[in-house]
Amino acid sequence: MYKPLSKNLTIAKSDIEGLGLFATEFIIKGTDLGMTHIYDERFEDNYIRLPLGGFFNHSITPNCEIVIRLKTSTKGSIKHLRLFTISDINPGDELTAYYTLYQPK
């Protein structure tokens, strides 16, 4: 079953901008937090932003990174972006990534 956020994440007020993505428990470095965007050239910036992708904020000193993946099945291939931790995350920490896909408006 698809869940927009895993149990170790929540959305709360951010000191960076608006709402942000926060850890509710300790998350180890290298954790795949899930899919943030799906490639579709019909949309602005060629990606459809998913719920997870709508709440992490940009940082020049991020604790997460965006990784491009290609998921292949008998129905075809889906290019998508996933959010991975690049450091250990403590409960209450905001999750951030350095992103250049688009400029927030």
C-alpha atoms as a PDB file:
ATOM      1  CA  MET A   1       0.000   0.000   0.000  1.00  0.00           C
ATOM      2  CA  TYR A   2       1.285   3.481  -0.897  1.00  0.00           C
ATOM      3  CA  LYS A   3       1.872   5.842   2.024  1.00  0.00           C
ATOM      4  CA  PRO A   4       2.985   9.403   1.240  1.00  0.00           C
ATOM      5  CA  LEU A   5       5.167   9.545   4.372  1.00  0.00           C
ATOM      6  CA  SER A   6       6.851   6.755   6.261  1.00  0.00           C
ATOM      7  CA  LYS A   7       6.208   6.416   9.998  1.00  0.00           C
ATOM      8  CA  ASN A   8       9.539   8.065  10.836  1.00  0.00           C
ATOM      9  CA  LEU A   9       8.568  11.378   9.157  1.00  0.00           C
ATOM     10  CA  THR A  10       6.134  14.192   9.835  1.00  0.00           C
ATOM     11  CA  ILE A  11       5.314  17.615   8.418  1.00  0.00           C
ATOM     12  CA  ALA A  12       5.666  20.661  10.683  1.00  0.00           C
ATOM     13  CA  LYS A  13       6.421  24.400  10.643  1.00  0.00           C
ATOM     14  CA  SER A  14       9.906  25.071   9.320  1.00  0.00           C
ATOM     15  CA  ASP A  15      12.353  27.814  10.254  1.00  0.00           C
ATOM     16  CA  ILE A  16      13.617  27.611   6.655  1.00  0.00           C
ATOM     17  CA  GLU A  17      10.375  28.133   4.712  1.00  0.00           C
ATOM     18  CA  GLY A  18       6.711  27.393   5.428  1.00  0.00           C
ATOM     19  CA  LEU A  19       6.299  23.716   6.255  1.00  0.00           C
ATOM     20  CA  GLY A  20       9.110  21.177   6.311  1.00  0.00           C
ATOM     21  CA  LEU A  21       9.795  17.479   6.635  1.00  0.00           C
ATOM     22  CA  PHE A  22      10.983  16.331  10.086  1.00  0.00           C
ATOM     23  CA  ALA A  23      12.208  13.082  11.607  1.00  0.00           C
ATOM     24  CA  THR A  24      10.047  11.531  14.340  1.00  0.00           C
ATOM     25  CA  GLU A  25      12.716   8.953  15.202  1.00  0.00           C
ATOM     26  CA  PHE A  26      16.404   8.306  14.554  1.00  0.00           C
ATOM     27  CA  ILE A  27      17.134   7.611  10.851  1.00  0.00           C
ATOM     28  CA  ILE A  28      20.470   6.155   9.786  1.00  0.00           C
ATOM     29  CA  LYS A  29      22.642   7.489   6.962  1.00  0.00           C
ATOM     30  CA  GLY A  30      21.778   5.915   3.600  1.00  0.00           C
ATOM     31  CA  THR A  31      18.068   5.417   4.309  1.00  0.00           C
ATOM     32  CA  ASP A  32      15.753   5.570   1.282  1.00  0.00           C
ATOM     33  CA  LEU A  33      12.891   7.797   2.429  1.00  0.00           C
ATOM     34  CA  GLY A  34      10.847   7.283  -0.715  1.00  0.00           C
ATOM     35  CA  MET A  35       9.830   8.673  -4.079  1.00  0.00           C
ATOM     36  CA  THR A  36       9.617  12.469  -4.376  1.00  0.00           C
ATOM     37  CA  HIS A  37       8.928  13.062  -8.088  1.00  0.00           C
ATOM     38  CA  ILE A  38       7.941  11.085 -11.202  1.00  0.00           C
ATOM     39  CA  TYR A  39       9.241  12.089 -14.627  1.00  0.00           C
ATOM     40  CA  ASP A  40       6.578  13.217 -17.097  1.00  0.00           C
ATOM     41  CA  GLU A  41       7.557  15.602 -19.872  1.00  0.00           C
ATOM     42  CA  ARG A  42       3.994  16.955 -20.102  1.00  0.00           C
ATOM     43  CA  PHE A  43       4.419  18.813 -16.801  1.00  0.00           C
ATOM     44  CA  GLU A  44       6.311  21.964 -15.852  1.00  0.00           C
ATOM     45  CA  ASP A  45       9.945  21.078 -15.122  1.00  0.00           C
ATOM     46  CA  ASN A  46       9.151  17.569 -16.518  1.00  0.00           C
ATOM     47  CA  TYR A  47       8.282  16.115 -13.122  1.00  0.00           C
ATOM     48  CA  ILE A  48       5.151  15.464 -11.100  1.00  0.00           C
ATOM     49  CA  ARG A  49       5.859  16.284  -7.462  1.00  0.00           C
ATOM     50  CA  LEU A  50       4.566  13.680  -5.016  1.00  0.00           C
ATOM     51  CA  PRO A  51       3.583  14.409  -1.377  1.00  0.00           C
ATOM     52  CA  LEU A  52       7.064  13.597  -0.024  1.00  0.00           C
ATOM     53  CA  GLY A  53       8.610  15.911  -2.629  1.00  0.00           C
ATOM     54  CA  GLY A  54       6.416  18.795  -1.602  1.00  0.00           C
ATOM     55  CA  PHE A  55       7.730  19.241   1.914  1.00  0.00           C
ATOM     56  CA  PHE A  56      11.494  18.896   2.189  1.00  0.00           C
ATOM     57  CA  ASN A  57      13.260  22.244   2.021  1.00  0.00           C
ATOM     58  CA  HIS A  58      16.401  23.348   0.194  1.00  0.00           C
ATOM     59  CA  SER A  59      19.679  23.769   2.069  1.00  0.00           C
ATOM     60  CA  ILE A  60      23.284  24.439   1.069  1.00  0.00           C
ATOM     61  CA  THR A  61      24.270  22.068   3.914  1.00  0.00           C
ATOM     62  CA  PRO A  62      21.729  19.266   3.396  1.00  0.00           C
ATOM     63  CA  ASN A  63      21.311  16.021   5.312  1.00  0.00           C
ATOM     64  CA  CYS A  64      19.614  14.297   2.339  1.00  0.00           C
ATOM     65  CA  GLU A  65      20.157  13.967  -1.397  1.00  0.00           C
ATOM     66  CA  ILE A  66      17.942  13.412  -4.419  1.00  0.00           C
ATOM     67  CA  VAL A  67      18.801  10.352  -6.506  1.00  0.00           C
ATOM     68  CA  ILE A  68      17.473   9.658 -10.025  1.00  0.00           C
ATOM     69  CA  ARG A  69      16.228   6.096 -10.462  1.00  0.00           C
ATOM     70  CA  LEU A  70      14.659   4.059 -13.231  1.00  0.00           C
ATOM     71  CA  LYS A  71      12.097   1.472 -12.146  1.00  0.00           C
ATOM     72  CA  THR A  72      11.457  -1.174 -14.792  1.00  0.00           C
ATOM     73  CA  SER A  73       8.590  -3.665 -14.841  1.00  0.00           C
ATOM     74  CA  THR A  74       6.638  -5.634 -17.419  1.00  0.00           C
ATOM     75  CA  LYS A  75       4.485  -2.514 -17.876  1.00  0.00           C
ATOM     76  CA  GLY A  76       7.456  -0.309 -18.800  1.00  0.00           C
ATOM     77  CA  SER A  77       9.957   2.004 -17.151  1.00  0.00           C
ATOM     78  CA  ILE A  78       9.353   4.905 -14.793  1.00  0.00           C
ATOM     79  CA  LYS A  79      12.050   7.536 -14.229  1.00  0.00           C
ATOM     80  CA  HIS A  80      11.677   9.003 -10.765  1.00  0.00           C
ATOM     81  CA  LEU A  81      13.516  10.824  -7.971  1.00  0.00           C
ATOM     82  CA  ARG A  82      14.062   9.407  -4.474  1.00  0.00           C
ATOM     83  CA  LEU A  83      15.168  11.058  -1.226  1.00  0.00           C
ATOM     84  CA  PHE A  84      18.083   9.435   0.656  1.00  0.00           C
ATOM     85  CA  THR A  85      19.714  10.501   3.907  1.00  0.00           C
ATOM     86  CA  ILE A  86      23.410  11.397   3.610  1.00  0.00           C
ATOM     87  CA  SER A  87      23.952  11.646   7.360  1.00  0.00           C
ATOM     88  CA  ASP A  88      22.321  10.248  10.487  1.00  0.00           C
ATOM     89  CA  ILE A  89      19.138  12.164  11.335  1.00  0.00           C
ATOM     90  CA  ASN A  90      17.999  12.718  14.922  1.00  0.00           C
ATOM     91  CA  PRO A  91      14.360  12.985  16.045  1.00  0.00           C
ATOM     92  CA  GLY A  92      13.141  16.545  15.491  1.00  0.00           C
ATOM     93  CA  ASP A  93      15.725  17.335  12.773  1.00  0.00           C
ATOM     94  CA  GLU A  94      14.415  18.892   9.581  1.00  0.00           C
ATOM     95  CA  LEU A  95      15.279  16.928   6.441  1.00  0.00           C
ATOM     96  CA  THR A  96      16.762  19.051   3.671  1.00  0.00           C
ATOM     97  CA  ALA A  97      18.320  18.565   0.257  1.00  0.00           C
ATOM     98  CA  TYR A  98      20.263  20.744  -2.151  1.00  0.00           C
ATOM     99  CA  TYR A  99      17.958  20.857  -5.138  1.00  0.00           C
ATOM    100  CA  THR A 100      18.233  22.473  -8.537  1.00  0.00           C
ATOM    101  CA  LEU A 101      15.329  20.800 -10.365  1.00  0.00           C
ATOM    102  CA  TYR A 102      13.302  23.991 -10.160  1.00  0.00           C
ATOM    103  CA  GLN A 103      13.270  27.256  -8.297  1.00  0.00           C
ATOM    104  CA  PRO A 104      10.523  27.409  -5.647  1.00  0.00           C
ATOM    105  CA  LYS A 105       7.944  30.089  -6.369  1.00  0.00           C
END
